[in-house]
């Protein structure tokens, strides 16, 4: 099973991120009050939403699937925190979770710290934040917002493949 991203939704997310960047640049250019708080806020917005726009743009123009489920396991490129190949032997199960009005497919692995360790420093921070928000020790979450197939169908397919691999 190969799942591609929702390109239209990603394009809309890209427009929103770019709108925030443009708005922050305009604030910097036209602000006439105390400089430090406003400038710091605007610069932070430019950096954050600029980074978001870059990641989203890469996905919009990429032909790479978000998720691939095959004989080797699950290959995750569904978000900026995608961990790549997760072999079947590492997966203990999946479950659908929700946080901040968003749904995710949580991929439960036997050694979540091993996946955390192989991530870059920014990804590790974001994964740790996800752990706290969702209240779990797991670190792999696939967002429904960018996937073109319902999470229930993906979970069912993974559970079937997981049973076959055992």
C-alpha atoms as a PDB file:
ATOM      1  CA  UNK A   1       0.000   0.000   0.000  1.00  0.00           C
ATOM      2  CA  UNK A   2       1.436   3.334  -1.048  1.00  0.00           C
ATOM      3  CA  UNK A   3      -0.134   6.539   0.260  1.00  0.00           C
ATOM      4  CA  UNK A   4       0.560   9.955  -1.183  1.00  0.00           C
ATOM      5  CA  UNK A   5       0.012  13.304   0.534  1.00  0.00           C
ATOM      6  CA  UNK A   6      -3.067  15.456   0.074  1.00  0.00           C
ATOM      7  CA  UNK A   7      -1.486  18.004  -2.271  1.00  0.00           C
ATOM      8  CA  UNK A   8      -4.371  20.500  -2.131  1.00  0.00           C
ATOM      9  CA  UNK A   9      -4.380  20.580   1.672  1.00  0.00           C
ATOM     10  CA  UNK A  10      -0.593  20.977   1.687  1.00  0.00           C
ATOM     11  CA  UNK A  11      -0.837  23.817  -0.839  1.00  0.00           C
ATOM     12  CA  UNK A  12      -3.370  25.588   1.406  1.00  0.00           C
ATOM     13  CA  UNK A  13      -1.087  25.076   4.430  1.00  0.00           C
ATOM     14  CA  UNK A  14       1.778  26.538   2.387  1.00  0.00           C
ATOM     15  CA  UNK A  15      -0.294  29.639   1.559  1.00  0.00           C
ATOM     16  CA  UNK A  16      -1.163  30.129   5.232  1.00  0.00           C
ATOM     17  CA  UNK A  17       2.482  29.792   6.318  1.00  0.00           C
ATOM     18  CA  UNK A  18       3.586  32.231   3.618  1.00  0.00           C
ATOM     19  CA  UNK A  19       0.836  34.643   4.697  1.00  0.00           C
ATOM     20  CA  UNK A  20       2.212  34.624   8.251  1.00  0.00           C
ATOM     21  CA  UNK A  21       5.725  35.273   6.950  1.00  0.00           C
ATOM     22  CA  UNK A  22       4.510  38.184   4.804  1.00  0.00           C
ATOM     23  CA  UNK A  23       2.496  39.578   7.720  1.00  0.00           C
ATOM     24  CA  UNK A  24       5.515  39.391  10.044  1.00  0.00           C
ATOM     25  CA  UNK A  25       7.733  41.120   7.463  1.00  0.00           C
ATOM     26  CA  UNK A  26       5.145  43.863   7.127  1.00  0.00           C
ATOM     27  CA  UNK A  27       5.021  44.291  10.915  1.00  0.00           C
ATOM     28  CA  UNK A  28       8.811  44.658  10.971  1.00  0.00           C
ATOM     29  CA  UNK A  29       8.742  47.186   8.137  1.00  0.00           C
ATOM     30  CA  UNK A  30       5.943  49.386   9.486  1.00  0.00           C
ATOM     31  CA  UNK A  31       6.100  49.110  13.289  1.00  0.00           C
ATOM     32  CA  UNK A  32       6.606  52.467  15.028  1.00  0.00           C
ATOM     33  CA  UNK A  33       6.501  51.586  18.763  1.00  0.00           C
ATOM     34  CA  UNK A  34       8.971  49.952  21.169  1.00  0.00           C
ATOM     35  CA  UNK A  35      11.161  47.891  18.857  1.00  0.00           C
ATOM     36  CA  UNK A  36      12.352  44.957  20.939  1.00  0.00           C
ATOM     37  CA  UNK A  37       9.179  42.966  21.780  1.00  0.00           C
ATOM     38  CA  UNK A  38       7.536  43.513  18.418  1.00  0.00           C
ATOM     39  CA  UNK A  39      10.709  42.876  16.442  1.00  0.00           C
ATOM     40  CA  UNK A  40      11.487  39.730  18.410  1.00  0.00           C
ATOM     41  CA  UNK A  41       7.958  38.421  17.875  1.00  0.00           C
ATOM     42  CA  UNK A  42       8.032  39.241  14.154  1.00  0.00           C
ATOM     43  CA  UNK A  43      11.458  37.642  13.680  1.00  0.00           C
ATOM     44  CA  UNK A  44      10.355  34.511  15.531  1.00  0.00           C
ATOM     45  CA  UNK A  45       7.270  34.309  13.298  1.00  0.00           C
ATOM     46  CA  UNK A  46       9.395  34.712  10.166  1.00  0.00           C
ATOM     47  CA  UNK A  47      11.771  31.953  11.258  1.00  0.00           C
ATOM     48  CA  UNK A  48       9.068  29.527  12.420  1.00  0.00           C
ATOM     49  CA  UNK A  49       6.582  30.006   9.577  1.00  0.00           C
ATOM     50  CA  UNK A  50       9.401  30.275   7.037  1.00  0.00           C
ATOM     51  CA  UNK A  51      10.683  26.874   8.161  1.00  0.00           C
ATOM     52  CA  UNK A  52       7.142  25.483   8.015  1.00  0.00           C
ATOM     53  CA  UNK A  53       6.716  26.876   4.497  1.00  0.00           C
ATOM     54  CA  UNK A  54      10.008  25.313   3.371  1.00  0.00           C
ATOM     55  CA  UNK A  55       9.050  21.865   4.698  1.00  0.00           C
ATOM     56  CA  UNK A  56       5.552  22.069   3.218  1.00  0.00           C
ATOM     57  CA  UNK A  57       6.821  23.333  -0.154  1.00  0.00           C
ATOM     58  CA  UNK A  58       9.197  20.393  -0.354  1.00  0.00           C
ATOM     59  CA  UNK A  59       6.267  18.013   0.164  1.00  0.00           C
ATOM     60  CA  UNK A  60       4.006  19.838  -2.296  1.00  0.00           C
ATOM     61  CA  UNK A  61       6.537  19.528  -5.109  1.00  0.00           C
ATOM     62  CA  UNK A  62       7.830  16.062  -4.214  1.00  0.00           C
ATOM     63  CA  UNK A  63       6.657  12.883  -5.877  1.00  0.00           C
ATOM     64  CA  UNK A  64       7.719  10.773  -2.862  1.00  0.00           C
ATOM     65  CA  UNK A  65       4.886   8.954  -1.066  1.00  0.00           C
ATOM     66  CA  UNK A  66       4.038   9.900   2.508  1.00  0.00           C
ATOM     67  CA  UNK A  67       3.728   6.313   3.583  1.00  0.00           C
ATOM     68  CA  UNK A  68       4.656   2.968   2.073  1.00  0.00           C
ATOM     69  CA  UNK A  69       3.609  -0.341   3.601  1.00  0.00           C
ATOM     70  CA  UNK A  70       5.395  -3.359   2.110  1.00  0.00           C
ATOM     71  CA  UNK A  71       7.175  -6.614   2.985  1.00  0.00           C
ATOM     72  CA  UNK A  72      10.015  -4.762   4.727  1.00  0.00           C
ATOM     73  CA  UNK A  73       7.765  -2.743   7.007  1.00  0.00           C
ATOM     74  CA  UNK A  74       6.418   0.775   7.120  1.00  0.00           C
ATOM     75  CA  UNK A  75       8.278   3.676   5.493  1.00  0.00           C
ATOM     76  CA  UNK A  76       7.239   6.960   7.102  1.00  0.00           C
ATOM     77  CA  UNK A  77       7.667  10.270   5.290  1.00  0.00           C
ATOM     78  CA  UNK A  78       4.266  11.606   6.382  1.00  0.00           C
ATOM     79  CA  UNK A  79       5.580  14.650   8.236  1.00  0.00           C
ATOM     80  CA  UNK A  80       8.737  16.591   9.006  1.00  0.00           C
ATOM     81  CA  UNK A  81       9.269  14.032  11.769  1.00  0.00           C
ATOM     82  CA  UNK A  82       9.119  11.045   9.407  1.00  0.00           C
ATOM     83  CA  UNK A  83      11.540   8.353  10.567  1.00  0.00           C
ATOM     84  CA  UNK A  84      11.920   6.420   7.314  1.00  0.00           C
ATOM     85  CA  UNK A  85      11.803   2.612   7.384  1.00  0.00           C
ATOM     86  CA  UNK A  86      10.305   0.937  10.442  1.00  0.00           C
ATOM     87  CA  UNK A  87      10.832  -2.839  10.050  1.00  0.00           C
ATOM     88  CA  UNK A  88       7.955  -5.123  11.035  1.00  0.00           C
ATOM     89  CA  UNK A  89      10.061  -6.633  13.832  1.00  0.00           C
ATOM     90  CA  UNK A  90      10.179  -3.173  15.510  1.00  0.00           C
ATOM     91  CA  UNK A  91       6.406  -2.553  15.420  1.00  0.00           C
ATOM     92  CA  UNK A  92       4.241  -3.744  18.319  1.00  0.00           C
ATOM     93  CA  UNK A  93       0.969  -2.212  17.085  1.00  0.00           C
ATOM     94  CA  UNK A  94      -0.845   0.957  16.026  1.00  0.00           C
ATOM     95  CA  UNK A  95      -3.593   3.096  17.469  1.00  0.00           C
ATOM     96  CA  UNK A  96      -5.460   6.233  16.509  1.00  0.00           C
ATOM     97  CA  UNK A  97      -4.912   9.129  18.915  1.00  0.00           C
ATOM     98  CA  UNK A  98      -6.029  12.750  19.014  1.00  0.00           C
ATOM     99  CA  UNK A  99      -4.313  15.900  20.220  1.00  0.00           C
ATOM    100  CA  UNK A 100      -5.147  19.565  19.649  1.00  0.00           C
ATOM    101  CA  UNK A 101      -8.137  18.686  17.433  1.00  0.00           C
ATOM    102  CA  UNK A 102      -5.931  16.612  15.120  1.00  0.00           C
ATOM    103  CA  UNK A 103      -5.916  12.863  14.590  1.00  0.00           C
ATOM    104  CA  UNK A 104      -2.759  10.785  14.312  1.00  0.00           C
ATOM    105  CA  UNK A 105      -1.888   7.157  13.760  1.00  0.00           C
ATOM    106  CA  UNK A 106       0.508   6.293  16.560  1.00  0.00           C
ATOM    107  CA  UNK A 107       2.940   3.567  15.513  1.00  0.00           C
ATOM    108  CA  UNK A 108       3.975   1.680  18.627  1.00  0.00           C
ATOM    109  CA  UNK A 109       7.528   0.377  18.466  1.00  0.00           C
ATOM    110  CA  UNK A 110       9.380  -1.870  20.908  1.00  0.00           C
ATOM    111  CA  UNK A 111      12.233   0.633  21.371  1.00  0.00           C
ATOM    112  CA  UNK A 112      10.958   4.210  20.891  1.00  0.00           C
ATOM    113  CA  UNK A 113      14.208   5.639  22.285  1.00  0.00           C
ATOM    114  CA  UNK A 114      16.132   4.084  19.365  1.00  0.00           C
ATOM    115  CA  UNK A 115      14.011   6.089  16.903  1.00  0.00           C
ATOM    116  CA  UNK A 116      14.365   9.193  19.034  1.00  0.00           C
ATOM    117  CA  UNK A 117      18.160   8.747  19.067  1.00  0.00           C
ATOM    118  CA  UNK A 118      18.448   8.562  15.277  1.00  0.00           C
ATOM    119  CA  UNK A 119      16.531  11.818  14.748  1.00  0.00           C
ATOM    120  CA  UNK A 120      18.274  15.169  14.365  1.00  0.00           C
ATOM    121  CA  UNK A 121      18.183  17.587  17.360  1.00  0.00           C
ATOM    122  CA  UNK A 122      15.162  19.560  16.114  1.00  0.00           C
ATOM    123  CA  UNK A 123      13.225  16.375  15.357  1.00  0.00           C
ATOM    124  CA  UNK A 124      14.079  15.022  18.822  1.00  0.00           C
ATOM    125  CA  UNK A 125      12.634  18.160  20.429  1.00  0.00           C
ATOM    126  CA  UNK A 126       9.469  17.942  18.344  1.00  0.00           C
ATOM    127  CA  UNK A 127       9.102  14.206  19.061  1.00  0.00           C
ATOM    128  CA  UNK A 128       9.529  14.849  22.795  1.00  0.00           C
ATOM    129  CA  UNK A 129       6.863  17.570  22.591  1.00  0.00           C
ATOM    130  CA  UNK A 130       4.527  15.130  20.823  1.00  0.00           C
ATOM    131  CA  UNK A 131       5.137  12.590  23.589  1.00  0.00           C
ATOM    132  CA  UNK A 132       4.130  15.131  26.223  1.00  0.00           C
ATOM    133  CA  UNK A 133       1.058  16.365  24.350  1.00  0.00           C
ATOM    134  CA  UNK A 134      -0.231  12.872  23.565  1.00  0.00           C
ATOM    135  CA  UNK A 135       0.962  11.478  26.931  1.00  0.00           C
ATOM    136  CA  UNK A 136       2.820   8.448  25.624  1.00  0.00           C
ATOM    137  CA  UNK A 137       6.343   7.064  25.456  1.00  0.00           C
ATOM    138  CA  UNK A 138       5.949   6.418  21.727  1.00  0.00           C
ATOM    139  CA  UNK A 139       7.543   8.776  19.174  1.00  0.00           C
ATOM    140  CA  UNK A 140       6.070   7.947  15.741  1.00  0.00           C
ATOM    141  CA  UNK A 141       2.856   9.727  14.760  1.00  0.00           C
ATOM    142  CA  UNK A 142       1.353   9.899  11.262  1.00  0.00           C
ATOM    143  CA  UNK A 143      -0.939  12.940  10.839  1.00  0.00           C
ATOM    144  CA  UNK A 144      -4.316  12.419   9.162  1.00  0.00           C
ATOM    145  CA  UNK A 145      -4.200  16.011   7.909  1.00  0.00           C
ATOM    146  CA  UNK A 146      -1.665  15.210   5.194  1.00  0.00           C
ATOM    147  CA  UNK A 147      -2.621  11.619   4.324  1.00  0.00           C
ATOM    148  CA  UNK A 148      -5.036  10.833   1.492  1.00  0.00           C
ATOM    149  CA  UNK A 149      -6.376   7.608   3.113  1.00  0.00           C
ATOM    150  CA  UNK A 150      -8.399   7.446   6.356  1.00  0.00           C
ATOM    151  CA  UNK A 151      -6.379   6.430   9.412  1.00  0.00           C
ATOM    152  CA  UNK A 152      -8.768   3.528  10.099  1.00  0.00           C
ATOM    153  CA  UNK A 153      -7.937   1.968   6.711  1.00  0.00           C
ATOM    154  CA  UNK A 154      -4.204   2.450   7.243  1.00  0.00           C
ATOM    155  CA  UNK A 155      -4.375   0.978  10.761  1.00  0.00           C
ATOM    156  CA  UNK A 156      -6.334  -2.042   9.511  1.00  0.00           C
ATOM    157  CA  UNK A 157      -3.804  -2.657   6.718  1.00  0.00           C
ATOM    158  CA  UNK A 158      -0.832  -2.331   9.086  1.00  0.00           C
ATOM    159  CA  UNK A 159      -2.418  -4.717  11.607  1.00  0.00           C
ATOM    160  CA  UNK A 160      -3.002  -7.279   8.829  1.00  0.00           C
ATOM    161  CA  UNK A 161       0.581  -6.987   7.570  1.00  0.00           C
ATOM    162  CA  UNK A 162       1.901  -7.099  11.123  1.00  0.00           C
ATOM    163  CA  UNK A 163      -0.009 -10.355  11.772  1.00  0.00           C
ATOM    164  CA  UNK A 164       1.430 -11.859   8.567  1.00  0.00           C
ATOM    165  CA  UNK A 165       4.976 -10.835   9.544  1.00  0.00           C
ATOM    166  CA  UNK A 166       4.781 -12.591  12.933  1.00  0.00           C
END
